[in-house]
Amino acid sequence: MKVLSWNCGGLNDPRSPTLPYRVWLTRIKKPNFVFLSETKMSFIDVKTKLAFLNPSSCFGVDSVGSKGGLVVLTWSNAAVSCILKTKNFVFCEIVESNGSLIYILFVYGEPIVEDRGDVWIDLIRIIEQYPNCLIMGDFNQLDNMEDKLGGADVIRGFDQFYDCRLACDLHDVPFSGPRFTWSNKRDGEDLIMERLDRVYATTQWFDSYPNGKFFNQPLICSDHAAILYDSDPEQTRSNRPYQVEGWCLYFPEIKNMIADVWD
């Protein structure tokens, strides 16, 4: 099972490379689930815009003006249903072919630290009822100083989030790739980078998928990087040198930039 999550920073700008990059991710990574946060659009508009990807099901939440907006698209042979939608969560139930039930909780944490406590209380209530769960998304919250570069030397909201993790018995899923998944896009001493996009799992989930890990993608198009969870990743090696992502070539100015630099 592959699950992709990305705070895309809006799908409402036709001039942005966000949508081509989003399409490229889907076609190259071939996830079974895609979660997009901060679509900045109504759910019906996002569903219409992405209909050409032919998902088997689609669930979502409207933005409030230009803030928020969530959508989950699925390509799965399992029976998938949405049992909860809020501005912070999309909670999905998956009935596997053997009849067992698993759950994925897609999270968009509150940007305002004073409002996060209520989100963590809701998360605890969900996990208490559905303990076989993967939790994934943009938490808007750090849980250790190693995941922070620049800015203040304190983590606001740490205590409440740590208590939530303990109450839910959530474990960090191992990751590879760039450490930081968010940047304030400033230069020099003003640069701040953090790992806000993460994957956690309950003990029951880890028992079922002990080899699961996720992969942080490069920071492209948005101030957040996409992350890809794989429940059973293949151990492959490649000696092919990194060159350029194919989706970039949709934009003539990028072709010109590459030609100038490589010349």
Protein backbone atom coordinates (compact mmCIF):
# COMPACT_ATOMS: atom_id res chain seq x y z
CA MET A 1 0.00 0.00 0.00
CA LYS A 2 1.30 3.43 -0.97
CA VAL A 3 -0.08 6.64 0.53
CA LEU A 4 0.93 10.12 -0.62
CA SER A 5 0.37 13.28 1.42
CA TRP A 6 1.12 16.85 0.37
CA ASN A 7 0.24 20.31 1.62
CA CYS A 8 0.04 21.68 -1.91
CA GLY A 9 -0.46 25.33 -0.97
CA GLY A 10 -3.44 25.74 -3.32
CA LEU A 11 -4.74 24.26 -6.56
CA ASN A 12 -6.50 27.46 -7.61
CA ASP A 13 -3.72 29.19 -9.58
CA PRO A 14 -3.70 28.06 -13.26
CA ARG A 15 -0.19 29.53 -13.73
CA SER A 16 1.33 27.46 -10.92
CA PRO A 17 3.30 24.23 -11.61
CA THR A 18 1.50 22.67 -8.62
CA LEU A 19 -0.99 20.66 -10.68
CA PRO A 20 1.55 19.27 -13.22
CA TYR A 21 3.79 18.24 -10.33
CA ARG A 22 0.81 16.66 -8.57
CA VAL A 23 -0.05 14.69 -11.72
CA TRP A 24 3.57 13.62 -12.16
CA LEU A 25 3.72 12.36 -8.56
CA THR A 26 0.62 10.25 -9.09
CA ARG A 27 1.79 8.72 -12.35
CA ILE A 28 5.35 8.01 -11.21
CA LYS A 29 4.78 6.94 -7.59
CA LYS A 30 1.44 5.17 -8.27
CA PRO A 31 -0.06 5.66 -4.78
CA ASN A 32 -3.27 3.95 -3.67
CA PHE A 33 -4.24 7.07 -1.69
CA VAL A 34 -3.45 10.74 -2.19
CA PHE A 35 -4.16 13.35 0.48
CA LEU A 36 -3.94 17.04 -0.41
CA SER A 37 -4.27 19.73 2.23
CA GLU A 38 -4.66 23.48 1.77
CA THR A 39 -6.34 23.12 -1.61
CA LYS A 40 -7.86 26.60 -1.09
CA MET A 41 -10.88 25.48 -3.14
CA SER A 42 -14.27 23.91 -2.60
CA PHE A 43 -14.28 20.12 -2.61
CA ILE A 44 -16.50 19.93 -5.72
CA ASP A 45 -14.12 22.20 -7.64
CA VAL A 46 -11.10 20.10 -6.65
CA LYS A 47 -12.95 16.90 -7.55
CA THR A 48 -13.81 18.33 -10.97
CA LYS A 49 -10.25 19.57 -11.57
CA LEU A 50 -8.75 16.15 -10.75
CA ALA A 51 -11.43 13.97 -12.35
CA PHE A 52 -9.14 13.13 -15.29
CA LEU A 53 -7.02 11.03 -12.87
CA ASN A 54 -10.00 8.62 -12.58
CA PRO A 55 -9.88 7.89 -8.83
CA SER A 56 -12.05 5.04 -7.58
CA SER A 57 -13.35 7.29 -4.80
CA CYS A 58 -12.90 10.86 -3.61
CA PHE A 59 -13.62 12.54 -0.27
CA GLY A 60 -12.99 16.06 0.90
CA VAL A 61 -13.70 19.23 2.82
CA ASP A 62 -14.27 22.73 1.44
CA SER A 63 -11.80 25.50 2.12
CA VAL A 64 -12.98 28.46 4.19
CA GLY A 65 -12.32 31.29 1.78
CA SER A 66 -8.68 30.94 0.79
CA LYS A 67 -7.77 28.88 3.87
CA GLY A 68 -7.71 25.12 4.28
CA GLY A 69 -9.48 22.61 2.08
CA LEU A 70 -8.79 18.85 2.13
CA VAL A 71 -9.20 16.08 -0.43
CA VAL A 72 -8.43 12.34 -0.47
CA LEU A 73 -8.35 10.42 -3.75
CA THR A 74 -8.11 6.63 -3.86
CA TRP A 75 -7.11 3.98 -6.38
CA SER A 76 -7.71 0.76 -4.51
CA ASN A 77 -9.26 -2.66 -5.01
CA ALA A 78 -10.30 -2.62 -1.36
CA ALA A 79 -13.59 -1.12 -0.22
CA VAL A 80 -12.81 2.39 1.03
CA SER A 81 -15.25 4.63 2.88
CA CYS A 82 -14.94 7.94 4.69
CA ILE A 83 -16.29 7.86 8.23
CA LEU A 84 -15.28 11.37 9.35
CA LYS A 85 -14.56 14.70 7.65
CA THR A 86 -13.62 17.94 9.42
CA LYS A 87 -11.40 20.89 8.56
CA ASN A 88 -8.53 18.98 10.25
CA PHE A 89 -9.22 15.33 9.42
CA VAL A 90 -10.31 12.96 6.70
CA PHE A 91 -10.70 9.52 8.28
CA CYS A 92 -10.97 6.48 6.00
CA GLU A 93 -11.91 2.87 6.65
CA ILE A 94 -10.44 0.19 4.37
CA VAL A 95 -11.96 -3.30 4.15
CA GLU A 96 -9.24 -5.61 2.85
CA SER A 97 -9.87 -8.65 0.67
CA ASN A 98 -9.61 -10.97 3.70
CA GLY A 99 -12.29 -8.93 5.50
CA SER A 100 -9.97 -7.24 8.00
CA LEU A 101 -10.39 -3.55 8.76
CA ILE A 102 -7.64 -0.96 8.75
CA TYR A 103 -7.85 2.82 9.03
CA ILE A 104 -5.97 5.85 7.75
CA LEU A 105 -6.34 9.21 9.45
CA PHE A 106 -5.26 12.11 7.24
CA VAL A 107 -4.34 15.14 9.34
CA TYR A 108 -4.06 18.86 8.74
CA GLY A 109 -2.92 20.42 12.02
CA GLU A 110 -4.06 23.85 13.12
CA PRO A 111 -1.67 26.62 12.02
CA ILE A 112 -2.46 28.59 15.21
CA VAL A 113 -0.74 26.91 18.15
CA GLU A 114 -3.44 27.92 20.67
CA ASP A 115 -6.05 25.97 18.65
CA ARG A 116 -4.11 22.70 18.33
CA GLY A 117 -5.12 21.23 21.68
CA ASP A 118 -8.68 20.54 20.53
CA VAL A 119 -7.35 18.78 17.41
CA TRP A 120 -5.18 16.47 19.52
CA ILE A 121 -8.14 15.69 21.81
CA ASP A 122 -10.19 14.67 18.76
CA LEU A 123 -7.28 12.56 17.51
CA ILE A 124 -7.13 10.70 20.84
CA ARG A 125 -10.87 9.95 20.68
CA ILE A 126 -10.54 8.55 17.16
CA ILE A 127 -7.58 6.28 17.95
CA GLU A 128 -9.28 4.97 21.10
CA GLN A 129 -12.11 3.67 18.89
CA TYR A 130 -9.99 2.57 15.92
CA PRO A 131 -6.58 1.40 17.16
CA ASN A 132 -5.38 -0.20 13.89
CA CYS A 133 -4.51 3.09 12.26
CA LEU A 134 -1.96 4.99 10.18
CA ILE A 135 -1.82 8.74 10.88
CA MET A 136 -0.32 10.96 8.19
CA GLY A 137 -0.21 14.55 7.00
CA ASP A 138 0.91 18.07 7.82
CA PHE A 139 0.73 18.29 11.61
CA ASN A 140 1.90 21.91 11.80
CA GLN A 141 3.71 20.75 14.94
CA LEU A 142 7.25 19.73 15.82
CA ASP A 143 7.99 17.07 18.40
CA ASN A 144 11.79 17.45 18.77
CA MET A 145 14.49 20.05 18.16
CA GLU A 146 16.36 17.82 15.67
CA ASP A 147 13.56 18.53 13.20
CA LYS A 148 14.15 22.29 13.24
CA LEU A 149 16.75 24.52 11.57
CA GLY A 150 16.80 28.23 12.41
CA GLY A 151 14.28 30.36 14.25
CA ALA A 152 13.47 30.20 17.96
CA ASP A 153 15.07 27.52 20.12
CA VAL A 154 11.74 26.42 21.64
CA ILE A 155 8.91 24.22 20.33
CA ARG A 156 5.54 25.81 20.98
CA GLY A 157 2.73 23.32 21.61
CA PHE A 158 5.15 20.47 22.36
CA ASP A 159 3.62 19.35 25.68
CA GLN A 160 0.08 18.89 24.37
CA PHE A 161 1.25 17.04 21.29
CA TYR A 162 3.58 14.78 23.27
CA ASP A 163 0.72 13.91 25.65
CA CYS A 164 -1.43 13.08 22.61
CA ARG A 165 1.23 10.74 21.23
CA LEU A 166 1.54 8.96 24.58
CA ALA A 167 -2.23 8.62 24.96
CA CYS A 168 -2.56 7.11 21.46
CA ASP A 169 0.65 5.04 21.69
CA LEU A 170 1.81 6.52 18.39
CA HIS A 171 5.15 5.48 16.94
CA ASP A 172 7.28 7.42 14.47
CA VAL A 173 7.42 5.61 11.12
CA PRO A 174 11.02 5.58 9.76
CA PHE A 175 11.72 7.91 6.85
CA SER A 176 14.37 8.57 4.23
CA GLY A 177 15.11 11.55 2.02
CA PRO A 178 15.57 15.21 2.96
CA ARG A 179 15.01 15.77 6.68
CA PHE A 180 13.01 18.98 6.47
CA THR A 181 9.60 19.13 4.79
CA TRP A 182 8.78 22.81 5.25
CA SER A 183 10.62 26.05 4.57
CA ASN A 184 9.77 29.70 5.08
CA LYS A 185 11.57 30.33 1.75
CA ARG A 186 13.84 33.03 3.13
CA ASP A 187 17.58 33.42 2.75
CA GLY A 188 20.56 33.48 5.05
CA GLU A 189 19.96 33.87 8.76
CA ASP A 190 16.22 34.34 8.20
CA LEU A 191 15.82 30.81 6.78
CA ILE A 192 13.74 28.39 8.88
CA MET A 193 13.22 24.74 7.94
CA GLU A 194 11.18 22.15 9.86
CA ARG A 195 9.85 18.60 9.58
CA LEU A 196 6.11 19.21 9.91
CA ASP A 197 4.88 16.48 7.53
CA ARG A 198 5.10 13.09 9.17
CA VAL A 199 3.71 9.58 9.49
CA TYR A 200 2.82 7.90 12.76
CA ALA A 201 1.35 4.44 13.35
CA THR A 202 -0.30 2.62 16.22
CA THR A 203 1.17 -0.57 17.63
CA GLN A 204 -1.48 -2.63 15.85
CA TRP A 205 -0.59 -1.05 12.51
CA PHE A 206 3.13 -1.73 13.06
CA ASP A 207 2.34 -5.35 13.88
CA SER A 208 0.62 -5.66 10.49
CA TYR A 209 3.17 -3.63 8.48
CA PRO A 210 6.53 -3.87 10.30
CA ASN A 211 8.56 -2.86 7.22
CA GLY A 212 6.62 0.31 6.44
CA LYS A 213 8.53 3.54 5.91
CA PHE A 214 8.01 6.85 4.17
CA PHE A 215 10.02 8.96 1.79
CA ASN A 216 10.32 12.74 1.94
CA GLN A 217 10.26 14.28 -1.52
CA PRO A 218 12.12 17.49 -2.47
CA LEU A 219 10.57 20.88 -1.65
CA ILE A 220 8.92 21.80 -4.95
CA CYS A 221 6.07 24.21 -5.86
CA SER A 222 4.85 24.57 -2.27
CA ASP A 223 6.49 25.52 1.01
CA HIS A 224 5.83 21.88 2.00
CA ALA A 225 7.34 18.71 0.55
CA ALA A 226 5.22 15.72 -0.40
CA ILE A 227 5.71 12.53 1.62
CA LEU A 228 5.08 8.96 0.41
CA TYR A 229 4.37 6.05 2.76
CA ASP A 230 4.96 2.50 1.52
CA SER A 231 3.79 -0.40 3.69
CA ASP A 232 6.25 -2.81 2.05
CA PRO A 233 8.97 -0.91 0.17
CA GLU A 234 11.20 -2.77 -2.25
CA GLN A 235 14.91 -2.78 -1.53
CA THR A 236 16.31 -1.58 -4.85
CA ARG A 237 19.54 0.04 -5.92
CA SER A 238 20.17 2.21 -8.93
CA ASN A 239 23.36 3.68 -10.37
CA ARG A 240 21.48 6.00 -12.69
CA PRO A 241 22.53 9.63 -12.04
CA TYR A 242 19.88 12.15 -11.02
CA GLN A 243 19.10 14.58 -13.85
CA VAL A 244 15.73 16.33 -13.92
CA GLU A 245 12.12 15.44 -13.09
CA GLY A 246 10.03 14.95 -16.23
CA TRP A 247 7.16 17.15 -15.03
CA CYS A 248 9.46 20.21 -15.17
CA LEU A 249 9.62 20.00 -18.95
CA TYR A 250 6.02 21.21 -19.24
CA PHE A 251 7.41 24.71 -18.68
CA PRO A 252 9.52 26.33 -21.46
CA GLU A 253 11.37 28.59 -19.02
CA ILE A 254 12.72 25.53 -17.20
CA LYS A 255 13.96 24.03 -20.48
CA ASN A 256 15.75 27.30 -21.21
CA MET A 257 17.26 27.39 -17.71
CA ILE A 258 18.60 23.84 -18.05
CA ALA A 259 20.04 24.57 -21.48
CA ASP A 260 21.79 27.70 -20.20
CA VAL A 261 23.25 25.99 -17.12
CA TRP A 262 24.36 22.80 -18.88
CA ASP A 263 25.98 24.77 -21.69
